[in-house]
Protein backbone atom coordinates (compact mmCIF):
# COMPACT_ATOMS: atom_id res chain seq x y z
CA UNK A 1 4.46 -11.43 22.24
CA UNK A 2 5.11 -12.23 18.59
CA UNK A 3 6.63 -9.37 16.64
CA UNK A 4 5.53 -8.46 13.12
CA UNK A 5 8.30 -6.19 11.80
CA UNK A 6 7.99 -4.17 8.62
CA UNK A 7 10.34 -2.21 6.45
CA UNK A 8 8.61 0.97 5.27
CA UNK A 9 9.82 2.23 1.91
CA UNK A 10 8.75 0.14 -1.09
CA UNK A 11 7.30 -2.39 1.36
CA UNK A 12 4.34 -0.93 3.25
CA UNK A 13 4.54 2.13 1.00
CA UNK A 14 4.43 1.96 -2.79
CA UNK A 15 7.43 4.26 -3.00
CA UNK A 16 10.35 5.64 -1.01
CA UNK A 17 9.48 8.28 1.58
CA UNK A 18 13.10 9.44 1.96
CA UNK A 19 13.52 10.08 -1.76
CA UNK A 20 10.05 11.63 -1.93
CA UNK A 21 10.98 14.09 0.86
CA UNK A 22 13.90 15.21 -1.28
CA UNK A 23 11.60 15.64 -4.27
CA UNK A 24 9.21 17.66 -2.13
CA UNK A 25 12.02 19.97 -1.00
CA UNK A 26 12.97 20.55 -4.64
CA UNK A 27 9.38 21.13 -5.80
CA UNK A 28 8.74 23.65 -3.02
CA UNK A 29 12.03 25.48 -3.81
CA UNK A 30 13.28 24.82 -0.26
CA UNK A 31 16.59 23.60 -1.66
CA UNK A 32 18.58 24.33 -4.81
CA UNK A 33 16.63 22.28 -7.34
CA UNK A 34 19.21 21.00 -9.79
CA UNK A 35 22.01 20.34 -7.33
CA UNK A 36 19.78 18.67 -4.74
CA UNK A 37 17.85 16.54 -7.21
CA UNK A 38 21.01 15.19 -8.80
CA UNK A 39 22.47 14.26 -5.41
CA UNK A 40 19.17 12.80 -4.17
CA UNK A 41 18.83 10.63 -7.28
CA UNK A 42 22.48 9.52 -7.09
CA UNK A 43 22.24 8.46 -3.47
CA UNK A 44 18.98 6.61 -4.16
CA UNK A 45 20.61 4.66 -6.98
CA UNK A 46 23.55 3.82 -4.72
CA UNK A 47 21.02 2.52 -2.17
CA UNK A 48 19.36 0.34 -4.79
CA UNK A 49 22.77 -0.95 -5.85
CA UNK A 50 23.74 -1.80 -2.28
CA UNK A 51 26.61 0.71 -2.47
CA UNK A 52 25.30 3.48 -0.21
CA UNK A 53 27.68 5.10 2.27
CA UNK A 54 25.01 5.75 4.89
CA UNK A 55 26.92 8.42 6.85
CA UNK A 56 27.78 10.34 3.67
CA UNK A 57 24.14 10.17 2.62
CA UNK A 58 22.85 11.32 6.00
CA UNK A 59 25.27 14.25 6.01
CA UNK A 60 23.48 15.33 2.82
CA UNK A 61 19.92 14.38 3.75
CA UNK A 62 19.81 15.94 7.21
CA UNK A 63 21.16 19.36 6.21
CA UNK A 64 17.75 20.80 5.25
CA UNK A 65 16.53 19.96 8.77
CA UNK A 66 19.44 21.92 10.25
CA UNK A 67 18.79 25.00 8.14
CA UNK A 68 15.24 25.68 9.28
CA UNK A 69 13.42 26.02 12.59
CA UNK A 70 11.24 23.17 13.82
CA UNK A 71 7.92 24.98 13.42
CA UNK A 72 8.57 25.62 9.72
CA UNK A 73 9.78 22.05 9.19
CA UNK A 74 6.63 20.62 10.77
CA UNK A 75 4.44 22.79 8.55
CA UNK A 76 6.29 21.54 5.47
CA UNK A 77 6.01 17.98 6.72
CA UNK A 78 2.23 18.20 6.89
CA UNK A 79 2.18 19.28 3.25
CA UNK A 80 4.62 16.50 2.36
CA UNK A 81 2.45 13.81 3.93
CA UNK A 82 -0.62 14.94 2.00
CA UNK A 83 1.19 15.45 -1.29
CA UNK A 84 3.64 12.54 -1.31
CA UNK A 85 2.80 9.93 1.35
CA UNK A 86 -0.94 9.45 1.04
CA UNK A 87 -0.64 8.52 -2.67
CA UNK A 88 1.86 5.79 -1.64
CA UNK A 89 -0.53 4.15 0.83
CA UNK A 90 -1.67 0.65 -0.16
CA UNK A 91 -4.93 -1.01 0.83
CA UNK A 92 -3.17 -4.37 0.65
CA UNK A 93 -0.61 -3.18 3.21
CA UNK A 94 -3.41 -2.14 5.56
CA UNK A 95 -4.95 -5.60 5.17
CA UNK A 96 -1.61 -7.24 5.99
CA UNK A 97 -1.21 -5.10 9.10
CA UNK A 98 -4.76 -5.90 10.19
CA UNK A 99 -4.13 -9.63 9.76
CA UNK A 100 -1.22 -9.43 12.20
CA UNK A 101 -3.25 -7.30 14.61
CA UNK A 102 -5.99 -9.93 14.55
CA UNK A 103 -3.41 -12.50 15.64
CA UNK A 104 -2.40 -10.34 18.58
CA UNK A 105 1.03 -9.57 17.17
CA UNK A 106 3.07 -6.49 18.16
CA UNK A 107 3.65 -4.32 15.08
CA UNK A 108 6.96 -2.53 14.54
CA UNK A 109 8.36 -0.49 11.65
CA UNK A 110 12.13 -0.49 11.19
CA UNK A 111 13.48 1.86 8.56
CA UNK A 112 16.71 3.54 7.52
CA UNK A 113 14.77 6.71 6.75
CA UNK A 114 14.99 9.30 9.51
CA UNK A 115 12.36 9.70 12.22
CA UNK A 116 11.36 13.22 11.15
CA UNK A 117 10.10 11.86 7.82
CA UNK A 118 8.73 8.53 9.03
CA UNK A 119 7.02 9.31 12.34
CA UNK A 120 3.83 10.68 10.75
CA UNK A 121 3.80 7.74 8.33
CA UNK A 122 3.84 5.26 11.21
CA UNK A 123 0.97 7.21 12.78
CA UNK A 124 -1.03 7.03 9.54
CA UNK A 125 -0.52 3.27 9.49
CA UNK A 126 -1.52 2.99 13.14
CA UNK A 127 1.81 1.49 14.20
CA UNK A 128 3.01 2.59 17.61
CA UNK A 129 6.54 1.18 17.53
CA UNK A 130 9.07 2.78 15.18
CA UNK A 131 12.81 2.28 14.85
CA UNK A 132 14.24 4.88 12.49
CA UNK A 133 17.50 6.70 11.96
CA UNK A 134 17.55 9.45 14.59
CA UNK A 135 18.47 13.00 13.52
CA UNK A 136 20.12 14.80 16.41
CA UNK A 137 17.89 17.41 18.05
CA UNK A 138 19.48 19.92 20.45
CA UNK A 139 17.46 22.65 22.19
CA UNK A 140 14.57 22.18 19.77
CA UNK A 141 16.68 22.43 16.62
CA UNK A 142 18.13 19.76 14.35
CA UNK A 143 21.92 19.81 14.08
CA UNK A 144 22.31 17.92 10.80
CA UNK A 145 24.07 15.09 12.65
CA UNK A 146 22.93 11.56 13.46
CA UNK A 147 22.20 10.45 17.01
CA UNK A 148 23.33 6.86 17.56
CA UNK A 149 23.51 4.05 15.00
CA UNK A 150 21.63 4.50 11.71
CA UNK A 151 19.08 1.70 11.24
CA UNK A 152 20.57 0.58 7.93
CA UNK A 153 21.81 -2.90 6.90
CA UNK A 154 23.53 -4.44 9.96
CA UNK A 155 22.54 -1.33 11.88
CA UNK A 156 18.94 -2.53 11.76
CA UNK A 157 19.98 -5.66 13.64
CA UNK A 158 21.87 -3.57 16.20
CA UNK A 159 18.99 -1.15 16.72
CA UNK A 160 16.43 -3.95 16.91
CA UNK A 161 18.48 -5.82 19.50
CA UNK A 162 18.60 -2.66 21.60
CA UNK A 163 14.83 -2.26 21.25
CA UNK A 164 14.19 -5.89 22.20
CA UNK A 165 16.29 -5.51 25.34
CA UNK A 166 14.64 -2.24 26.33
CA UNK A 167 11.12 -3.60 25.80
CA UNK A 168 11.60 -7.10 27.17
CA UNK A 169 10.73 -8.67 23.81
CA UNK A 170 12.34 -11.45 21.77
CA UNK A 171 12.42 -12.59 18.14
CA UNK A 172 10.67 -15.87 18.94
CA UNK A 173 8.27 -16.47 16.06
CA UNK A 174 8.95 -13.02 14.61
CA UNK A 175 8.06 -11.92 11.08
CA UNK A 176 9.98 -9.41 8.99
CA UNK A 177 8.75 -8.00 5.68
CA UNK A 178 11.10 -6.14 3.31
CA UNK A 179 11.66 -5.36 -0.35
CA UNK A 180 15.41 -4.72 -0.20
CA UNK A 181 18.57 -6.81 -0.22
CA UNK A 182 19.95 -4.19 2.19
CA UNK A 183 17.73 -5.87 4.80
CA UNK A 184 19.15 -9.36 4.30
CA UNK A 185 21.01 -9.26 7.66
CA UNK A 186 17.74 -8.82 9.57
CA UNK A 187 15.74 -11.16 7.34
CA UNK A 188 18.21 -13.90 8.26
CA UNK A 189 17.55 -13.31 11.98
CA UNK A 190 13.79 -13.96 12.06
CA UNK A 191 11.80 -17.17 11.87
CA UNK A 192 9.44 -15.80 9.23
CA UNK A 193 11.28 -13.69 6.63
CA UNK A 194 9.10 -12.38 3.80
CA UNK A 195 10.34 -10.70 0.61
CA UNK A 196 7.75 -8.11 -0.48
CA UNK A 197 7.92 -6.99 -4.10
CA UNK A 198 11.65 -7.72 -3.78
CA UNK A 199 14.46 -6.17 -5.76
CA UNK A 200 16.23 -8.72 -8.02
CA UNK A 201 19.02 -9.40 -5.52
CA UNK A 202 16.61 -10.03 -2.64
CA UNK A 203 14.42 -12.18 -4.87
CA UNK A 204 17.41 -14.42 -5.59
CA UNK A 205 18.33 -14.59 -1.89
CA UNK A 206 14.74 -15.42 -0.97
CA UNK A 207 14.52 -18.22 -3.51
CA UNK A 208 17.86 -19.68 -2.39
CA UNK A 209 16.69 -19.73 1.23
CA UNK A 210 13.10 -20.78 0.63
CA UNK A 211 11.67 -17.55 2.01
CA UNK A 212 8.13 -16.49 1.22
CA UNK A 213 7.79 -13.97 -1.62
CA UNK A 214 4.69 -11.81 -1.91
CA UNK A 215 3.40 -8.62 -3.51
CA UNK A 216 1.42 -5.74 -2.06
CA UNK A 217 1.28 -3.88 -5.35
CA UNK A 218 -1.38 -6.03 -6.93
């Protein structure tokens, strides 16, 4: 089956769910506001610049999960989805997803953001298949560590290859939609790469390679 693969943040969503989760934690006084906000904003800028040390970032980002029990985290996550995620939903993204569904394509989200944050977003979008960075869960509690390879930059290619093998799928005719130059390694692997509201670096790469450029913000 033909795969239609989508980045999540600033692609299907009109915003970044990972950064928004950090903002939510600050606004709800779950973390130290000034210290956490400064670090969250700094890491986000490093991501935009293509300079993010993913393991250093995850050591920071997964700590709030380790400090609280799962029941409390899930309650906060429900509030987060209503407060932060629903306003990021785009009708144009839903139309794009529906167009691929109508063609019988298999839909897949691949994101560097962790599964705890992104799983309910995939459910809202009606997408069954999700590859996300996996926070380690032991005996029903998050440890603050990462399980396996983070799905970031070349790690997206690694994780997708593992998924393809496990599910008996291939990249024949596949599409991949992304906004970020961090996803260039995977965009180069598919037959139909699409730059969606791309950052300036990805826009340049897309033009050099003759890739389709589109907007969902319109």
